[in-house]
Amino acid sequence: MSDLVVSEGYAAVGYEYINVDDCWLEKSRGPRGELVADRRRFPSGMKALANYVHAKGLKFGIYEDYGNYTCAGYPGILGFSANDAAQFASWDVDYVKLDGCYSLPIDMDHGYPEFGRNLNSTGRPMVYSCSWPVYQIYAGMNPNYSSIIQHCNLWRNYDDIQDSWASLESIIDYYGNNQDAIIPNAGPGHWNDPDMLIIGNFGLSYEQSKTQMALWAIMAAPLMMSVDLRTIRPEFKAILQNRKIIAVDQDPLGIQGRRIYKHKGIEIWSRPITPIYQTYYSYAIAFVNRRTDGTPSDVAVTLRELGLISPTGYRVEDLYEEVDYGILSPQTKIKVKVNPSGVVILRADVQPERFSKRPYNPIFYRYPN
């Protein structure tokens, strides 16, 4: 996968971490209490693997668990927090995902910050991915997001994604229905994590895959592919490598977007992005068709109704179709045709005053190819 991330152009568009998930360990620790990589899967060990990944210009991530065991039954960090953090640093790890199986949610308010401090005390920068809030939510607790933001770079707060449209829809619904509580916690250096991109596997259609990529960008989500790059089909590769949608996801403001409309299976999601002119943001807008009636749906709305009110106008572009609609005024009514379980994602860049003399005011139509 490291080879293909580079040779197939994924690194060039921004993907930079190669993360190993659960099951990389032996079932028992070594004689000095150290973690031991599976001798069959990783005969040269994790340090050698990290060196290989780094030689490709990439970064290396690893998985562990706060509890006695990982979710698959391998040794967890409980009782070994400082030693394991030091061992990861000695392997030149760049990213640590810490799961929460086989642990008590009430102990996480102490244990997750402790491991974060242990990572920091090594002196090696490591991204810290936490499962802290999701296990507390399952236990009926209210996570302390002030502490989570302070100690974690990203965190899971809902179910593991499965390779299905139903699973993806449940995550979309959770983030939309709970957005007022979720969104304020996101920002540069600390992100909500709705889980992996399953684009290119078996469970999503082409349209549904486009929907996941677009909404993950709107939600300022970490983009973590979970797919075999040896066999991925070209159309799914193109979705994952869409530079303009990745640019929305990686917008430096780091503001998570929200669902602003939901009615009869049609949803509109909006995210403020750069550039900013005076007090006006630019926006990424996603029109999502959750209907299953077998025909595309028309959605018509003015820019003003979407909250785009700058009198200087907005340059509007369709990020999948790569159609530039020019500079539109807030009064412009746009009409998009959205395929079932599909998406249309637009970028609307606010214009500075000097470019705003004559924004035109058409109704424009977007039809799928």
Protein backbone atom coordinates (compact mmCIF):
# COMPACT_ATOMS: atom_id res chain seq x y z
CA MET A 1 0.00 0.00 0.00
CA SER A 2 2.86 2.40 0.73
CA ASP A 3 4.27 1.80 -2.73
CA LEU A 4 0.89 2.40 -4.37
CA VAL A 5 0.07 5.52 -2.36
CA VAL A 6 3.12 7.05 -3.99
CA SER A 7 3.14 5.46 -7.43
CA GLU A 8 -0.61 5.88 -8.06
CA GLY A 9 -0.73 9.55 -7.12
CA TYR A 10 -2.43 9.46 -3.72
CA ALA A 11 0.52 11.06 -1.94
CA ALA A 12 0.59 13.82 -4.54
CA VAL A 13 -2.96 14.88 -3.62
CA GLY A 14 -2.31 14.81 0.13
CA TYR A 15 -2.63 11.31 1.57
CA GLU A 16 0.41 10.90 3.82
CA TYR A 17 -0.17 8.34 6.58
CA ILE A 18 0.03 4.56 6.30
CA ASN A 19 -1.83 3.27 9.35
CA VAL A 20 -1.77 -0.31 10.61
CA ASP A 21 -4.99 -1.35 12.36
CA ASP A 22 -5.61 -4.02 15.02
CA CYS A 23 -4.06 -7.52 14.85
CA TRP A 24 -0.47 -6.44 14.21
CA LEU A 25 0.66 -7.80 17.58
CA GLU A 26 1.62 -11.13 19.02
CA LYS A 27 -0.91 -12.36 21.57
CA SER A 28 1.58 -11.90 24.44
CA ARG A 29 4.11 -9.26 25.41
CA GLY A 30 7.82 -9.95 25.40
CA PRO A 31 9.91 -10.93 28.42
CA ARG A 32 10.45 -7.29 29.47
CA GLY A 33 6.80 -6.37 29.02
CA GLU A 34 7.40 -4.90 25.57
CA LEU A 35 4.98 -5.07 22.66
CA VAL A 36 5.96 -7.64 20.02
CA ALA A 37 4.88 -7.45 16.40
CA ASP A 38 3.34 -10.55 14.84
CA ARG A 39 6.39 -12.49 13.70
CA ARG A 40 4.66 -13.96 10.67
CA ARG A 41 2.97 -10.81 9.39
CA PHE A 42 5.83 -8.46 10.23
CA PRO A 43 8.98 -10.58 10.35
CA SER A 44 11.27 -7.54 10.24
CA GLY A 45 9.34 -5.74 12.99
CA MET A 46 7.57 -2.39 13.12
CA LYS A 47 10.68 -0.23 13.19
CA ALA A 48 11.72 -1.65 9.83
CA LEU A 49 8.22 -1.08 8.48
CA ALA A 50 8.26 2.51 9.71
CA ASN A 51 11.64 3.02 8.04
CA TYR A 52 10.23 1.71 4.75
CA VAL A 53 7.22 4.01 4.96
CA HIS A 54 9.39 7.01 5.83
CA ALA A 55 11.72 6.26 2.92
CA LYS A 56 8.69 6.73 0.66
CA GLY A 57 8.16 10.22 2.08
CA LEU A 58 5.13 9.04 4.05
CA LYS A 59 4.26 8.80 7.75
CA PHE A 60 3.56 5.68 9.80
CA GLY A 61 0.60 5.06 12.10
CA ILE A 62 -0.18 2.25 14.50
CA TYR A 63 -3.09 0.96 16.60
CA GLU A 64 -3.45 0.17 20.28
CA ASP A 65 -6.17 0.02 22.93
CA TYR A 66 -6.59 1.68 26.31
CA GLY A 67 -7.88 -1.52 27.93
CA ASN A 68 -6.41 -4.88 28.91
CA TYR A 69 -6.77 -6.08 25.32
CA THR A 70 -7.36 -4.63 21.88
CA CYS A 71 -10.78 -5.22 20.35
CA ALA A 72 -9.41 -8.34 18.63
CA GLY A 73 -7.84 -9.68 21.82
CA TYR A 74 -4.21 -8.56 21.57
CA PRO A 75 -2.34 -6.85 24.43
CA GLY A 76 -3.67 -3.42 25.42
CA ILE A 77 -1.73 -0.59 27.05
CA LEU A 78 -3.37 -0.75 30.49
CA GLY A 79 -0.53 -0.84 33.01
CA PHE A 80 2.05 -0.16 30.30
CA SER A 81 1.12 3.35 29.14
CA ALA A 82 4.49 5.06 29.52
CA ASN A 83 6.48 2.09 28.22
CA ASP A 84 4.28 1.65 25.16
CA ALA A 85 4.44 5.35 24.31
CA ALA A 86 8.23 5.20 24.54
CA GLN A 87 8.29 2.06 22.39
CA PHE A 88 6.20 3.75 19.69
CA ALA A 89 8.58 6.71 19.72
CA SER A 90 11.56 4.34 19.39
CA TRP A 91 9.89 2.89 16.30
CA ASP A 92 9.46 6.41 14.85
CA VAL A 93 5.68 6.15 14.85
CA ASP A 94 3.88 9.28 13.63
CA TYR A 95 0.24 8.46 14.51
CA VAL A 96 -1.38 6.41 17.25
CA LYS A 97 -5.01 5.26 17.27
CA LEU A 98 -6.08 4.27 20.82
CA ASP A 99 -9.26 2.20 20.92
CA GLY A 100 -11.35 1.56 24.03
CA CYS A 101 -12.28 -2.13 24.21
CA TYR A 102 -11.85 -4.05 27.47
CA SER A 103 -11.72 -0.90 29.59
CA LEU A 104 -14.03 1.05 31.89
CA PRO A 105 -15.44 4.22 30.30
CA ILE A 106 -15.31 5.99 33.64
CA ASP A 107 -11.53 5.51 33.72
CA MET A 108 -11.02 7.10 30.30
CA ASP A 109 -11.12 10.66 31.66
CA HIS A 110 -7.82 9.83 33.35
CA GLY A 111 -6.36 7.17 31.06
CA TYR A 112 -6.59 8.89 27.68
CA PRO A 113 -4.97 12.15 28.87
CA GLU A 114 -2.29 10.12 30.64
CA PHE A 115 -1.35 8.28 27.46
CA GLY A 116 -1.39 11.56 25.55
CA ARG A 117 1.02 13.06 28.05
CA ASN A 118 3.19 9.97 27.74
CA LEU A 119 3.27 10.37 23.96
CA ASN A 120 4.25 14.03 24.33
CA SER A 121 6.93 13.25 26.90
CA THR A 122 8.78 11.15 24.31
CA GLY A 123 9.57 14.31 22.39
CA ARG A 124 8.38 12.77 19.12
CA PRO A 125 5.37 14.40 17.46
CA MET A 126 2.60 11.82 17.11
CA VAL A 127 -1.00 12.39 16.03
CA TYR A 128 -3.26 11.06 18.79
CA SER A 129 -6.54 9.48 17.68
CA CYS A 130 -8.91 8.68 20.56
CA SER A 131 -12.00 6.51 20.91
CA TRP A 132 -12.65 8.08 24.31
CA PRO A 133 -16.03 9.79 23.64
CA VAL A 134 -17.76 6.99 21.75
CA TYR A 135 -17.32 4.46 24.57
CA GLN A 136 -18.58 6.97 27.12
CA ILE A 137 -21.59 7.80 24.94
CA TYR A 138 -22.40 4.08 24.70
CA ALA A 139 -22.17 3.92 28.52
CA GLY A 140 -24.65 6.77 28.90
CA MET A 141 -22.02 9.30 29.97
CA ASN A 142 -21.55 12.84 28.72
CA PRO A 143 -17.98 13.11 27.40
CA ASN A 144 -15.88 16.00 28.66
CA TYR A 145 -15.09 17.51 25.28
CA SER A 146 -13.03 20.32 26.79
CA SER A 147 -10.58 17.70 28.01
CA ILE A 148 -10.85 15.62 24.84
CA ILE A 149 -10.00 18.66 22.72
CA GLN A 150 -7.04 19.43 24.95
CA HIS A 151 -5.55 15.93 24.77
CA CYS A 152 -6.62 14.39 21.43
CA ASN A 153 -6.14 15.39 17.79
CA LEU A 154 -9.16 13.44 16.57
CA TRP A 155 -11.77 11.23 18.14
CA ARG A 156 -14.53 8.83 17.27
CA ASN A 157 -18.00 9.62 18.57
CA TYR A 158 -20.20 7.12 16.74
CA ASP A 159 -20.36 3.57 15.41
CA ASP A 160 -17.67 1.86 13.35
CA ILE A 161 -18.47 2.23 9.68
CA GLN A 162 -19.42 -0.93 7.81
CA ASP A 163 -19.17 -1.54 4.08
CA SER A 164 -22.75 -0.54 3.31
CA TRP A 165 -24.90 2.42 2.34
CA ALA A 166 -27.08 1.80 5.41
CA SER A 167 -24.05 2.23 7.68
CA LEU A 168 -22.98 5.38 5.87
CA GLU A 169 -26.50 6.81 6.12
CA SER A 170 -26.60 6.15 9.86
CA ILE A 171 -23.37 8.15 10.31
CA ILE A 172 -24.68 10.99 8.14
CA ASP A 173 -27.87 11.06 10.22
CA TYR A 174 -25.98 11.00 13.52
CA TYR A 175 -23.79 13.94 12.53
CA GLY A 176 -26.75 15.87 11.16
CA ASN A 177 -29.11 15.18 14.05
CA ASN A 178 -26.48 15.97 16.71
CA GLN A 179 -24.60 18.72 14.88
CA ASP A 180 -25.22 21.45 17.45
CA ALA A 181 -23.36 19.41 20.07
CA ILE A 182 -20.70 18.01 17.73
CA ILE A 183 -19.61 20.92 15.54
CA PRO A 184 -18.30 23.31 18.24
CA ASN A 185 -15.66 20.75 19.23
CA ALA A 186 -13.96 20.70 15.82
CA GLY A 187 -11.16 22.97 14.72
CA PRO A 188 -7.53 22.99 13.61
CA GLY A 189 -5.68 20.27 15.50
CA HIS A 190 -8.81 18.65 16.98
CA TRP A 191 -11.33 16.90 14.75
CA ASN A 192 -14.49 14.84 14.91
CA ASP A 193 -13.84 11.53 13.14
CA PRO A 194 -16.87 9.92 11.44
CA ASP A 195 -14.61 6.95 10.52
CA MET A 196 -12.99 5.64 7.37
CA LEU A 197 -13.72 6.21 3.71
CA ILE A 198 -15.07 2.94 2.32
CA ILE A 199 -14.93 4.17 -1.28
CA GLY A 200 -13.71 1.50 -3.68
CA ASN A 201 -14.79 -1.52 -1.65
CA PHE A 202 -18.01 -3.47 -2.26
CA GLY A 203 -20.86 -1.80 -0.39
CA LEU A 204 -21.22 1.60 -2.07
CA SER A 205 -22.33 2.45 -5.57
CA TYR A 206 -20.53 5.09 -7.59
CA GLU A 207 -23.06 7.77 -6.58
CA GLN A 208 -22.94 6.77 -2.92
CA SER A 209 -19.15 6.91 -2.97
CA LYS A 210 -19.30 10.46 -4.30
CA THR A 211 -21.70 11.28 -1.48
CA GLN A 212 -19.34 10.01 1.20
CA MET A 213 -16.38 11.95 -0.16
CA ALA A 214 -18.39 15.16 -0.45
CA LEU A 215 -19.95 14.97 3.01
CA TRP A 216 -16.67 14.02 4.70
CA ALA A 217 -15.22 17.18 3.17
CA ILE A 218 -18.17 19.24 4.41
CA MET A 219 -17.72 17.73 7.89
CA ALA A 220 -13.99 18.57 7.99
CA ALA A 221 -13.38 14.86 8.57
CA PRO A 222 -10.01 13.14 8.53
CA LEU A 223 -9.70 11.33 5.19
CA MET A 224 -8.56 7.77 5.82
CA MET A 225 -8.93 5.35 2.95
CA SER A 226 -9.81 1.74 3.72
CA VAL A 227 -9.46 -0.04 0.40
CA ASP A 228 -7.13 -2.36 -1.47
CA LEU A 229 -5.26 -0.02 -3.80
CA ARG A 230 -4.12 -2.97 -5.91
CA THR A 231 -7.64 -3.60 -7.19
CA ILE A 232 -9.51 -0.29 -6.89
CA ARG A 233 -11.43 0.69 -10.01
CA PRO A 234 -10.50 3.93 -11.80
CA GLU A 235 -13.78 5.73 -11.12
CA PHE A 236 -13.40 5.24 -7.36
CA LYS A 237 -9.75 6.23 -7.47
CA ALA A 238 -10.80 9.46 -9.18
CA ILE A 239 -13.21 10.23 -6.32
CA LEU A 240 -10.51 9.68 -3.70
CA GLN A 241 -8.08 11.84 -5.66
CA ASN A 242 -10.44 14.74 -6.36
CA ARG A 243 -8.13 17.64 -5.52
CA LYS A 244 -10.86 20.24 -5.28
CA ILE A 245 -12.91 18.25 -2.78
CA ILE A 246 -9.77 17.43 -0.79
CA ALA A 247 -9.06 21.19 -0.71
CA VAL A 248 -12.49 21.77 0.85
CA ASP A 249 -11.80 19.06 3.43
CA GLN A 250 -8.42 20.56 4.27
CA ASP A 251 -9.58 24.19 4.36
CA PRO A 252 -7.35 26.07 6.83
CA LEU A 253 -10.25 27.60 8.78
CA GLY A 254 -11.08 24.11 10.02
CA ILE A 255 -14.78 24.92 10.49
CA GLN A 256 -16.99 21.83 10.39
CA GLY A 257 -20.03 22.19 8.15
CA ARG A 258 -23.64 21.50 9.00
CA ARG A 259 -26.91 20.30 7.54
CA ILE A 260 -29.02 23.36 6.76
CA TYR A 261 -32.00 21.72 5.04
CA LYS A 262 -33.77 18.38 5.27
CA HIS A 263 -37.12 17.65 3.66
CA LYS A 264 -38.59 14.63 1.90
CA GLY A 265 -35.25 12.94 1.30
CA ILE A 266 -33.39 16.05 0.11
CA GLU A 267 -30.64 17.47 2.27
CA ILE A 268 -28.39 20.51 1.88
CA TRP A 269 -25.12 20.72 3.80
CA SER A 270 -22.98 23.86 4.02
CA ARG A 271 -19.44 24.58 5.20
CA PRO A 272 -17.78 28.01 5.58
CA ILE A 273 -14.35 28.05 3.93
CA THR A 274 -11.70 30.44 2.67
CA PRO A 275 -11.35 32.91 1.08
CA ILE A 276 -13.05 35.49 3.30
CA TYR A 277 -13.91 39.01 2.12
CA GLN A 278 -14.76 41.51 4.85
CA THR A 279 -17.24 39.57 7.01
CA TYR A 280 -18.32 37.15 4.28
CA TYR A 281 -17.16 33.56 4.05
CA SER A 282 -16.89 31.39 0.98
CA TYR A 283 -18.84 28.14 1.14
CA ALA A 284 -18.90 24.53 0.03
CA ILE A 285 -22.48 23.38 -0.52
CA ALA A 286 -23.56 19.73 -0.89
CA PHE A 287 -26.98 18.76 -2.21
CA VAL A 288 -27.76 15.18 -1.18
CA ASN A 289 -30.58 13.03 -2.54
CA ARG A 290 -31.54 10.38 0.02
CA ARG A 291 -34.55 9.25 -2.04
CA THR A 292 -34.75 5.79 -3.58
CA ASP A 293 -37.47 6.39 -6.15
CA GLY A 294 -35.17 5.71 -9.09
CA THR A 295 -35.00 9.12 -10.71
CA PRO A 296 -32.86 12.23 -10.22
CA SER A 297 -34.40 15.04 -8.19
CA ASP A 298 -34.33 18.74 -9.05
CA VAL A 299 -33.38 21.13 -6.28
CA ALA A 300 -33.77 24.88 -6.89
CA VAL A 301 -32.66 27.55 -4.44
CA THR A 302 -31.18 31.05 -4.47
CA LEU A 303 -27.72 31.72 -3.11
CA ARG A 304 -29.30 34.00 -0.52
CA GLU A 305 -31.47 31.15 0.73
CA LEU A 306 -28.26 29.18 1.26
CA GLY A 307 -26.83 31.99 3.40
CA LEU A 308 -24.60 33.40 0.65
CA ILE A 309 -25.37 37.09 0.97
CA SER A 310 -22.24 39.01 -0.05
CA PRO A 311 -23.23 41.80 -2.45
CA THR A 312 -19.97 41.23 -4.32
CA GLY A 313 -21.17 37.82 -5.51
CA TYR A 314 -19.61 34.37 -5.61
CA ARG A 315 -17.72 32.40 -8.19
CA VAL A 316 -19.48 29.03 -8.26
CA GLU A 317 -17.97 25.74 -9.43
CA ASP A 318 -19.24 22.15 -9.48
CA LEU A 319 -16.42 20.11 -7.91
CA TYR A 320 -17.29 16.78 -9.51
CA GLU A 321 -18.32 17.99 -12.95
CA GLU A 322 -15.63 20.72 -12.96
CA VAL A 323 -18.03 23.27 -14.40
CA ASP A 324 -17.35 26.94 -13.60
CA TYR A 325 -20.59 28.94 -13.53
CA GLY A 326 -18.90 32.30 -13.21
CA ILE A 327 -19.79 35.01 -10.68
CA LEU A 328 -23.34 34.79 -9.35
CA SER A 329 -25.22 37.27 -7.20
CA PRO A 330 -27.09 36.30 -4.01
CA GLN A 331 -30.35 36.65 -5.94
CA THR A 332 -29.34 33.98 -8.44
CA LYS A 333 -31.49 30.87 -8.37
CA ILE A 334 -29.51 27.71 -8.99
CA LYS A 335 -31.09 24.43 -9.98
CA VAL A 336 -29.22 21.17 -9.62
CA LYS A 337 -30.26 17.65 -10.59
CA VAL A 338 -29.14 15.14 -7.95
CA ASN A 339 -29.07 11.41 -8.62
CA PRO A 340 -30.65 8.98 -6.11
CA SER A 341 -28.27 8.42 -3.15
CA GLY A 342 -26.00 10.89 -4.92
CA VAL A 343 -24.63 14.36 -4.41
CA VAL A 344 -23.84 17.63 -6.15
CA ILE A 345 -21.12 19.62 -4.38
CA LEU A 346 -20.49 23.24 -5.28
CA ARG A 347 -17.79 25.65 -4.19
CA ALA A 348 -18.80 29.29 -3.94
CA ASP A 349 -15.83 31.65 -3.52
CA VAL A 350 -16.80 35.11 -2.31
CA GLN A 351 -15.51 37.83 -4.61
CA PRO A 352 -13.54 40.91 -3.57
CA GLU A 353 -15.10 44.26 -4.39
CA ARG A 354 -13.02 44.94 -7.47
CA PHE A 355 -14.42 41.87 -9.23
CA SER A 356 -18.03 42.52 -8.30
CA LYS A 357 -19.10 45.24 -10.72
CA ARG A 358 -21.31 43.09 -12.87
CA PRO A 359 -22.22 39.75 -11.32
CA TYR A 360 -24.75 38.21 -13.62
CA ASN A 361 -28.02 36.81 -12.43
CA PRO A 362 -29.12 33.79 -14.45
CA ILE A 363 -30.88 30.64 -13.50
CA PHE A 364 -28.49 27.82 -14.30
CA TYR A 365 -29.09 24.11 -14.64
CA ARG A 366 -26.75 21.29 -13.88
CA TYR A 367 -27.49 17.91 -15.41
CA PRO A 368 -25.44 14.75 -14.84
CA ASN A 369 -23.44 13.44 -17.77
